[in-house]
Amino acid sequence: MARSIEFDAEKLIGTIDALRGAQLPFAGNRALKQLGFQLRQDLQREMRDKFENPVPFTISSPRYAVDGLELTVSISKDGAKGQDPARYLFPVTAEGGATGGGKPAYITRFTRAVRALGVVDASYYAIPFLQGRGVRVNAYGNMSPGQYQQTLQGLKTGVGAGRQGSQWRYFSVPDGRGGGRSTGRLKPGIYRAKSNDVQLLFTYARRQPTVPVLFDFEGVVTRRSQELLPSLLSRALDNALK
């Protein structure tokens, strides 16, 4: 999700005389910086409009950089390994300006970790069961990051943190490591249990989930650049000649 914007100054604002042309490198650089700042705000607005309760980490992910007369607009690649915004937003981002339909969802770090433990094979996708009694949901309607870690640790050791005898026991149905407890008629998923209280934390999908294509990154950048750049450049040239 990166786009370089190329422009022809005379096509944008008409014929440029020698005096104004001498100021073009300075004025163009200033106009592109203003454009990048505005595009970042427009992309953030698009995220708020199209995504349901986006987290601040996602909202802050649009980036821009200006080098001379080149503006590059992108989505941040900073973040935990395999969990950066550029990677997890790619499935919901339109290509060629076409929204709608669906694309394969991003395979979460949690699913990859559960597979790496040998709990399930690559045909399983762990999905938080947000309606579950034992699931802790944050202000954005997502499972809390701490519970992901707690569940993964529980699958590694069989029990969560806490005093001996007071911990929840964690288990998966199925569990490819074998030697697990009897699960009766429990449906596939990841559970925690204490005494007779058994709580479903994650369900398993056997096909890769899909997500709707909502975020028109390219369309926003292209459309708003065409709308804003002529006036920004013209104003920057006028100011440079004062």
C-alpha atoms as a PDB file:
ATOM      1  CA  MET A   1       0.000   0.000   0.000  1.00  0.00           C
ATOM      2  CA  ALA A   2       2.361   2.670  -1.230  1.00  0.00           C
ATOM      3  CA  ARG A   3       1.715   5.151  -3.991  1.00  0.00           C
ATOM      4  CA  SER A   4       4.024   7.704  -5.577  1.00  0.00           C
ATOM      5  CA  ILE A   5       2.244  10.725  -7.022  1.00  0.00           C
ATOM      6  CA  GLU A   6       3.706  12.214 -10.187  1.00  0.00           C
ATOM      7  CA  PHE A   7       2.528  15.558 -11.542  1.00  0.00           C
ATOM      8  CA  ASP A   8       3.228  18.014 -14.337  1.00  0.00           C
ATOM      9  CA  ALA A   9       3.132  21.511 -12.882  1.00  0.00           C
ATOM     10  CA  GLU A  10       1.966  23.193 -16.099  1.00  0.00           C
ATOM     11  CA  LYS A  11      -0.873  20.707 -16.548  1.00  0.00           C
ATOM     12  CA  LEU A  12      -1.975  21.445 -13.003  1.00  0.00           C
ATOM     13  CA  ILE A  13      -1.885  25.246 -12.978  1.00  0.00           C
ATOM     14  CA  GLY A  14      -1.136  26.383 -16.536  1.00  0.00           C
ATOM     15  CA  THR A  15       1.941  27.939 -18.148  1.00  0.00           C
ATOM     16  CA  ILE A  16       4.714  28.826 -15.718  1.00  0.00           C
ATOM     17  CA  ASP A  17       7.004  31.746 -16.579  1.00  0.00           C
ATOM     18  CA  ALA A  18      10.723  31.771 -15.855  1.00  0.00           C
ATOM     19  CA  LEU A  19      10.346  33.598 -12.549  1.00  0.00           C
ATOM     20  CA  ARG A  20       7.787  31.186 -11.183  1.00  0.00           C
ATOM     21  CA  GLY A  21       9.706  28.253 -12.658  1.00  0.00           C
ATOM     22  CA  ALA A  22      12.757  29.207 -10.617  1.00  0.00           C
ATOM     23  CA  GLN A  23      10.677  28.864  -7.458  1.00  0.00           C
ATOM     24  CA  LEU A  24       9.076  25.562  -8.491  1.00  0.00           C
ATOM     25  CA  PRO A  25      11.420  23.190  -6.590  1.00  0.00           C
ATOM     26  CA  PHE A  26      10.866  25.069  -3.326  1.00  0.00           C
ATOM     27  CA  ALA A  27       7.142  25.687  -3.834  1.00  0.00           C
ATOM     28  CA  GLY A  28       6.487  22.161  -5.120  1.00  0.00           C
ATOM     29  CA  ASN A  29       8.205  20.615  -2.114  1.00  0.00           C
ATOM     30  CA  ARG A  30       6.154  22.764   0.237  1.00  0.00           C
ATOM     31  CA  ALA A  31       2.907  21.940  -1.600  1.00  0.00           C
ATOM     32  CA  LEU A  32       3.634  18.212  -1.430  1.00  0.00           C
ATOM     33  CA  LYS A  33       4.260  18.384   2.302  1.00  0.00           C
ATOM     34  CA  GLN A  34       0.893  20.093   2.755  1.00  0.00           C
ATOM     35  CA  LEU A  35      -0.737  17.516   0.488  1.00  0.00           C
ATOM     36  CA  GLY A  36       0.809  14.612   2.412  1.00  0.00           C
ATOM     37  CA  PHE A  37      -0.461  16.010   5.697  1.00  0.00           C
ATOM     38  CA  GLN A  38      -3.980  16.353   4.257  1.00  0.00           C
ATOM     39  CA  LEU A  39      -3.929  12.876   2.678  1.00  0.00           C
ATOM     40  CA  ARG A  40      -2.978  11.365   6.021  1.00  0.00           C
ATOM     41  CA  GLN A  41      -6.046  12.987   7.592  1.00  0.00           C
ATOM     42  CA  ASP A  42      -8.249  11.835   4.707  1.00  0.00           C
ATOM     43  CA  LEU A  43      -7.044   8.242   5.033  1.00  0.00           C
ATOM     44  CA  GLN A  44      -7.671   8.324   8.776  1.00  0.00           C
ATOM     45  CA  ARG A  45     -11.197   9.607   8.107  1.00  0.00           C
ATOM     46  CA  GLU A  46     -11.740   6.801   5.601  1.00  0.00           C
ATOM     47  CA  MET A  47     -10.670   4.269   8.241  1.00  0.00           C
ATOM     48  CA  ARG A  48     -13.052   5.683  10.824  1.00  0.00           C
ATOM     49  CA  ASP A  49     -15.889   5.637   8.293  1.00  0.00           C
ATOM     50  CA  LYS A  50     -15.317   2.134   6.943  1.00  0.00           C
ATOM     51  CA  PHE A  51     -13.925   0.141   9.898  1.00  0.00           C
ATOM     52  CA  GLU A  52     -15.885  -0.792  13.002  1.00  0.00           C
ATOM     53  CA  ASN A  53     -14.177   0.602  16.127  1.00  0.00           C
ATOM     54  CA  PRO A  54     -10.654   0.822  14.636  1.00  0.00           C
ATOM     55  CA  VAL A  55      -7.924   0.880  17.279  1.00  0.00           C
ATOM     56  CA  PRO A  56      -5.613   3.918  17.583  1.00  0.00           C
ATOM     57  CA  PHE A  57      -2.700   1.826  16.266  1.00  0.00           C
ATOM     58  CA  THR A  58      -4.592   1.387  12.976  1.00  0.00           C
ATOM     59  CA  ILE A  59      -5.796   4.988  12.781  1.00  0.00           C
ATOM     60  CA  SER A  60      -2.241   6.278  13.211  1.00  0.00           C
ATOM     61  CA  SER A  61      -0.814   3.993  10.508  1.00  0.00           C
ATOM     62  CA  PRO A  62      -1.044   6.251   7.377  1.00  0.00           C
ATOM     63  CA  ARG A  63       2.372   7.710   6.578  1.00  0.00           C
ATOM     64  CA  TYR A  64       3.776  10.184   4.072  1.00  0.00           C
ATOM     65  CA  ALA A  65       7.267  11.266   3.120  1.00  0.00           C
ATOM     66  CA  VAL A  66       8.474  13.994   0.773  1.00  0.00           C
ATOM     67  CA  ASP A  67      11.819  13.856  -1.018  1.00  0.00           C
ATOM     68  CA  GLY A  68      12.310  16.855  -3.261  1.00  0.00           C
ATOM     69  CA  LEU A  69       9.349  16.780  -5.636  1.00  0.00           C
ATOM     70  CA  GLU A  70       8.218  13.240  -4.818  1.00  0.00           C
ATOM     71  CA  LEU A  71       5.502  12.386  -2.311  1.00  0.00           C
ATOM     72  CA  THR A  72       5.102   8.804  -1.119  1.00  0.00           C
ATOM     73  CA  VAL A  73       1.976   7.803   0.799  1.00  0.00           C
ATOM     74  CA  SER A  74       1.935   4.453   2.601  1.00  0.00           C
ATOM     75  CA  ILE A  75       0.658   2.391   5.526  1.00  0.00           C
ATOM     76  CA  SER A  76       3.053   1.751   8.388  1.00  0.00           C
ATOM     77  CA  LYS A  77       5.086  -1.452   8.446  1.00  0.00           C
ATOM     78  CA  ASP A  78       6.042  -0.872  12.086  1.00  0.00           C
ATOM     79  CA  GLY A  79       4.620  -3.222  14.684  1.00  0.00           C
ATOM     80  CA  ALA A  80       5.022  -6.601  16.315  1.00  0.00           C
ATOM     81  CA  LYS A  81       6.504  -9.270  14.071  1.00  0.00           C
ATOM     82  CA  GLY A  82       3.960 -10.229  11.421  1.00  0.00           C
ATOM     83  CA  GLN A  83       1.332  -7.886  12.885  1.00  0.00           C
ATOM     84  CA  ASP A  84       2.072  -4.526  11.286  1.00  0.00           C
ATOM     85  CA  PRO A  85      -0.781  -2.424   9.824  1.00  0.00           C
ATOM     86  CA  ALA A  86       0.434  -2.734   6.218  1.00  0.00           C
ATOM     87  CA  ARG A  87       0.161  -6.512   6.531  1.00  0.00           C
ATOM     88  CA  TYR A  88      -3.158  -6.865   8.364  1.00  0.00           C
ATOM     89  CA  LEU A  89      -4.910  -4.115   6.383  1.00  0.00           C
ATOM     90  CA  PHE A  90      -3.926  -5.555   3.008  1.00  0.00           C
ATOM     91  CA  PRO A  91      -6.856  -8.033   2.845  1.00  0.00           C
ATOM     92  CA  VAL A  92      -9.442  -5.258   3.326  1.00  0.00           C
ATOM     93  CA  THR A  93      -7.766  -2.816   0.943  1.00  0.00           C
ATOM     94  CA  ALA A  94      -9.179  -2.269  -2.537  1.00  0.00           C
ATOM     95  CA  GLU A  95      -6.964  -2.938  -5.537  1.00  0.00           C
ATOM     96  CA  GLY A  96      -7.617  -0.909  -8.639  1.00  0.00           C
ATOM     97  CA  GLY A  97     -10.274   1.097  -6.791  1.00  0.00           C
ATOM     98  CA  ALA A  98     -12.806  -1.754  -6.658  1.00  0.00           C
ATOM     99  CA  THR A  99     -14.431  -2.231  -3.247  1.00  0.00           C
ATOM    100  CA  GLY A 100     -16.916  -4.893  -2.179  1.00  0.00           C
ATOM    101  CA  GLY A 101     -16.509  -8.644  -2.502  1.00  0.00           C
ATOM    102  CA  GLY A 102     -14.113 -10.406  -0.183  1.00  0.00           C
ATOM    103  CA  LYS A 103     -10.486 -11.485   0.118  1.00  0.00           C
ATOM    104  CA  PRO A 104      -8.817 -14.069   2.369  1.00  0.00           C
ATOM    105  CA  ALA A 105      -8.417 -12.672   5.873  1.00  0.00           C
ATOM    106  CA  TYR A 106      -5.020 -12.074   7.388  1.00  0.00           C
ATOM    107  CA  ILE A 107      -3.768 -15.142   9.279  1.00  0.00           C
ATOM    108  CA  THR A 108      -3.348 -13.872  12.813  1.00  0.00           C
ATOM    109  CA  ARG A 109      -0.226 -14.231  14.885  1.00  0.00           C
ATOM    110  CA  PHE A 110      -2.242 -16.235  17.421  1.00  0.00           C
ATOM    111  CA  THR A 111      -3.331 -18.783  14.806  1.00  0.00           C
ATOM    112  CA  ARG A 112       0.252 -19.128  13.605  1.00  0.00           C
ATOM    113  CA  ALA A 113       1.445 -19.620  17.196  1.00  0.00           C
ATOM    114  CA  VAL A 114      -1.162 -22.327  17.916  1.00  0.00           C
ATOM    115  CA  ARG A 115      -0.134 -24.148  14.750  1.00  0.00           C
ATOM    116  CA  ALA A 116       3.547 -23.828  15.668  1.00  0.00           C
ATOM    117  CA  LEU A 117       2.837 -25.555  18.996  1.00  0.00           C
ATOM    118  CA  GLY A 118       1.472 -28.533  17.080  1.00  0.00           C
ATOM    119  CA  VAL A 119      -1.990 -28.087  18.601  1.00  0.00           C
ATOM    120  CA  VAL A 120      -3.655 -27.989  15.159  1.00  0.00           C
ATOM    121  CA  ASP A 121      -2.465 -28.194  11.573  1.00  0.00           C
ATOM    122  CA  ALA A 122      -2.531 -25.506   8.885  1.00  0.00           C
ATOM    123  CA  SER A 123      -6.181 -26.195   7.998  1.00  0.00           C
ATOM    124  CA  TYR A 124      -7.368 -24.669  11.311  1.00  0.00           C
ATOM    125  CA  TYR A 125      -7.959 -20.948  11.975  1.00  0.00           C
ATOM    126  CA  ALA A 126      -8.534 -19.774  15.558  1.00  0.00           C
ATOM    127  CA  ILE A 127     -11.276 -17.153  15.909  1.00  0.00           C
ATOM    128  CA  PRO A 128     -12.071 -15.425  19.246  1.00  0.00           C
ATOM    129  CA  PHE A 129     -15.514 -16.353  20.566  1.00  0.00           C
ATOM    130  CA  LEU A 130     -16.393 -12.827  21.642  1.00  0.00           C
ATOM    131  CA  GLN A 131     -19.759 -13.834  23.117  1.00  0.00           C
ATOM    132  CA  GLY A 132     -18.110 -16.278  25.515  1.00  0.00           C
ATOM    133  CA  ARG A 133     -18.434 -15.754  29.270  1.00  0.00           C
ATOM    134  CA  GLY A 134     -14.704 -16.113  29.727  1.00  0.00           C
ATOM    135  CA  VAL A 135     -13.643 -13.693  27.005  1.00  0.00           C
ATOM    136  CA  ARG A 136     -12.336 -10.284  28.065  1.00  0.00           C
ATOM    137  CA  VAL A 137     -13.264  -7.636  25.507  1.00  0.00           C
ATOM    138  CA  ASN A 138     -11.541  -4.263  25.316  1.00  0.00           C
ATOM    139  CA  ALA A 139     -13.075  -0.887  24.498  1.00  0.00           C
ATOM    140  CA  TYR A 140     -12.864  -1.628  20.772  1.00  0.00           C
ATOM    141  CA  GLY A 141     -14.817  -4.870  20.950  1.00  0.00           C
ATOM    142  CA  ASN A 142     -11.773  -7.117  20.526  1.00  0.00           C
ATOM    143  CA  MET A 143     -10.346  -9.780  22.789  1.00  0.00           C
ATOM    144  CA  SER A 144      -7.784  -8.158  25.069  1.00  0.00           C
ATOM    145  CA  PRO A 145      -4.146  -8.687  24.006  1.00  0.00           C
ATOM    146  CA  GLY A 146      -3.359 -10.073  27.455  1.00  0.00           C
ATOM    147  CA  GLN A 147      -5.896 -12.863  27.035  1.00  0.00           C
ATOM    148  CA  TYR A 148      -4.303 -13.968  23.774  1.00  0.00           C
ATOM    149  CA  GLN A 149      -0.990 -14.338  25.594  1.00  0.00           C
ATOM    150  CA  GLN A 150      -2.602 -15.985  28.606  1.00  0.00           C
ATOM    151  CA  THR A 151      -4.369 -18.532  26.404  1.00  0.00           C
ATOM    152  CA  LEU A 152      -1.230 -19.324  24.429  1.00  0.00           C
ATOM    153  CA  GLN A 153       0.727 -19.809  27.643  1.00  0.00           C
ATOM    154  CA  GLY A 154      -2.069 -22.011  28.978  1.00  0.00           C
ATOM    155  CA  LEU A 155      -1.921 -24.201  25.868  1.00  0.00           C
ATOM    156  CA  LYS A 156       1.829 -24.561  26.348  1.00  0.00           C
ATOM    157  CA  THR A 157       1.657 -25.561  30.030  1.00  0.00           C
ATOM    158  CA  GLY A 158      -1.949 -26.708  30.474  1.00  0.00           C
ATOM    159  CA  VAL A 159      -2.688 -24.126  33.174  1.00  0.00           C
ATOM    160  CA  GLY A 160      -2.765 -20.355  33.498  1.00  0.00           C
ATOM    161  CA  ALA A 161      -1.074 -18.106  36.017  1.00  0.00           C
ATOM    162  CA  GLY A 162      -2.188 -17.982  39.654  1.00  0.00           C
ATOM    163  CA  ARG A 163      -1.937 -19.889  42.912  1.00  0.00           C
ATOM    164  CA  GLN A 164      -1.687 -23.660  42.706  1.00  0.00           C
ATOM    165  CA  GLY A 165      -5.189 -25.103  42.546  1.00  0.00           C
ATOM    166  CA  SER A 166      -6.807 -21.811  41.553  1.00  0.00           C
ATOM    167  CA  GLN A 167      -5.687 -21.709  37.919  1.00  0.00           C
ATOM    168  CA  TRP A 168      -7.794 -22.256  34.876  1.00  0.00           C
ATOM    169  CA  ARG A 169      -6.839 -25.281  32.783  1.00  0.00           C
ATOM    170  CA  TYR A 170      -6.509 -24.658  29.044  1.00  0.00           C
ATOM    171  CA  PHE A 171      -7.066 -27.217  26.315  1.00  0.00           C
ATOM    172  CA  SER A 172      -7.905 -27.518  22.636  1.00  0.00           C
ATOM    173  CA  VAL A 173     -10.375 -29.726  20.788  1.00  0.00           C
ATOM    174  CA  PRO A 174      -8.712 -31.289  18.844  1.00  0.00           C
ATOM    175  CA  ASP A 175      -5.120 -31.304  20.068  1.00  0.00           C
ATOM    176  CA  GLY A 176      -2.594 -32.789  17.688  1.00  0.00           C
ATOM    177  CA  ARG A 177      -0.061 -33.262  20.469  1.00  0.00           C
ATOM    178  CA  GLY A 178      -2.126 -36.163  21.873  1.00  0.00           C
ATOM    179  CA  GLY A 179      -2.408 -37.247  25.474  1.00  0.00           C
ATOM    180  CA  GLY A 180      -5.107 -34.656  26.181  1.00  0.00           C
ATOM    181  CA  ARG A 181      -8.005 -34.863  28.589  1.00  0.00           C
ATOM    182  CA  SER A 182     -11.351 -36.360  27.636  1.00  0.00           C
ATOM    183  CA  THR A 183     -13.399 -33.651  25.914  1.00  0.00           C
ATOM    184  CA  GLY A 184     -16.771 -35.379  25.708  1.00  0.00           C
ATOM    185  CA  ARG A 185     -18.960 -33.747  23.089  1.00  0.00           C
ATOM    186  CA  LEU A 186     -17.288 -30.358  23.053  1.00  0.00           C
ATOM    187  CA  LYS A 187     -17.162 -28.781  19.624  1.00  0.00           C
ATOM    188  CA  PRO A 188     -13.780 -27.825  18.122  1.00  0.00           C
ATOM    189  CA  GLY A 189     -12.203 -24.846  19.822  1.00  0.00           C
ATOM    190  CA  ILE A 190      -9.934 -23.640  22.623  1.00  0.00           C
ATOM    191  CA  TYR A 191     -11.320 -23.789  26.154  1.00  0.00           C
ATOM    192  CA  ARG A 192     -10.479 -22.990  29.723  1.00  0.00           C
ATOM    193  CA  ALA A 193     -11.962 -24.900  32.619  1.00  0.00           C
ATOM    194  CA  LYS A 194     -12.068 -24.810  36.399  1.00  0.00           C
ATOM    195  CA  SER A 195     -14.023 -27.448  38.327  1.00  0.00           C
ATOM    196  CA  ASN A 196     -17.204 -27.883  36.250  1.00  0.00           C
ATOM    197  CA  ASP A 197     -17.039 -24.466  34.613  1.00  0.00           C
ATOM    198  CA  VAL A 198     -15.938 -24.922  30.989  1.00  0.00           C
ATOM    199  CA  GLN A 199     -15.665 -21.782  28.856  1.00  0.00           C
ATOM    200  CA  LEU A 200     -15.140 -21.537  25.103  1.00  0.00           C
ATOM    201  CA  LEU A 201     -12.521 -18.892  24.202  1.00  0.00           C
ATOM    202  CA  PHE A 202     -11.856 -19.591  20.506  1.00  0.00           C
ATOM    203  CA  THR A 203     -13.705 -21.472  17.807  1.00  0.00           C
ATOM    204  CA  TYR A 204     -11.933 -23.129  14.874  1.00  0.00           C
ATOM    205  CA  ALA A 205     -12.720 -22.438  11.223  1.00  0.00           C
ATOM    206  CA  ARG A 206     -11.634 -25.080   8.725  1.00  0.00           C
ATOM    207  CA  ARG A 207     -11.535 -22.683   5.804  1.00  0.00           C
ATOM    208  CA  GLN A 208      -9.607 -19.440   5.737  1.00  0.00           C
ATOM    209  CA  PRO A 209     -12.076 -16.678   6.697  1.00  0.00           C
ATOM    210  CA  THR A 210     -12.718 -13.883   4.206  1.00  0.00           C
ATOM    211  CA  VAL A 211     -13.141 -10.192   4.879  1.00  0.00           C
ATOM    212  CA  PRO A 212     -14.958  -7.514   2.848  1.00  0.00           C
ATOM    213  CA  VAL A 213     -12.867  -5.083   0.814  1.00  0.00           C
ATOM    214  CA  LEU A 214     -13.646  -1.741   2.459  1.00  0.00           C
ATOM    215  CA  PHE A 215     -10.602   0.521   2.417  1.00  0.00           C
ATOM    216  CA  ASP A 216     -10.066   2.400  -0.860  1.00  0.00           C
ATOM    217  CA  PHE A 217      -6.517   3.563  -0.156  1.00  0.00           C
ATOM    218  CA  GLU A 218      -5.587   4.157  -3.781  1.00  0.00           C
ATOM    219  CA  GLY A 219      -8.869   5.871  -4.593  1.00  0.00           C
ATOM    220  CA  VAL A 220      -8.620   8.301  -1.675  1.00  0.00           C
ATOM    221  CA  VAL A 221      -5.005   9.203  -2.480  1.00  0.00           C
ATOM    222  CA  THR A 222      -5.634   9.667  -6.204  1.00  0.00           C
ATOM    223  CA  ARG A 223      -8.907  11.544  -5.932  1.00  0.00           C
ATOM    224  CA  ARG A 224      -7.856  13.914  -3.170  1.00  0.00           C
ATOM    225  CA  SER A 225      -4.486  14.613  -4.821  1.00  0.00           C
ATOM    226  CA  GLN A 226      -6.244  15.677  -8.018  1.00  0.00           C
ATOM    227  CA  GLU A 227      -8.577  17.887  -6.007  1.00  0.00           C
ATOM    228  CA  LEU A 228      -6.031  19.519  -3.722  1.00  0.00           C
ATOM    229  CA  LEU A 229      -2.688  19.738  -5.489  1.00  0.00           C
ATOM    230  CA  PRO A 230      -3.470  22.481  -8.063  1.00  0.00           C
ATOM    231  CA  SER A 231      -4.533  25.013  -5.440  1.00  0.00           C
ATOM    232  CA  LEU A 232      -1.765  24.000  -3.019  1.00  0.00           C
ATOM    233  CA  LEU A 233       0.899  24.411  -5.693  1.00  0.00           C
ATOM    234  CA  SER A 234      -0.490  27.697  -6.987  1.00  0.00           C
ATOM    235  CA  ARG A 235      -0.645  29.137  -3.473  1.00  0.00           C
ATOM    236  CA  ALA A 236       2.879  27.921  -2.671  1.00  0.00           C
ATOM    237  CA  LEU A 237       4.250  29.605  -5.825  1.00  0.00           C
ATOM    238  CA  ASP A 238       2.456  32.843  -4.992  1.00  0.00           C
ATOM    239  CA  ASN A 239       3.852  32.811  -1.451  1.00  0.00           C
ATOM    240  CA  ALA A 240       7.371  32.037  -2.731  1.00  0.00           C
ATOM    241  CA  LEU A 241       7.302  35.173  -4.905  1.00  0.00           C
ATOM    242  CA  LYS A 242       6.207  37.530  -2.144  1.00  0.00           C
END
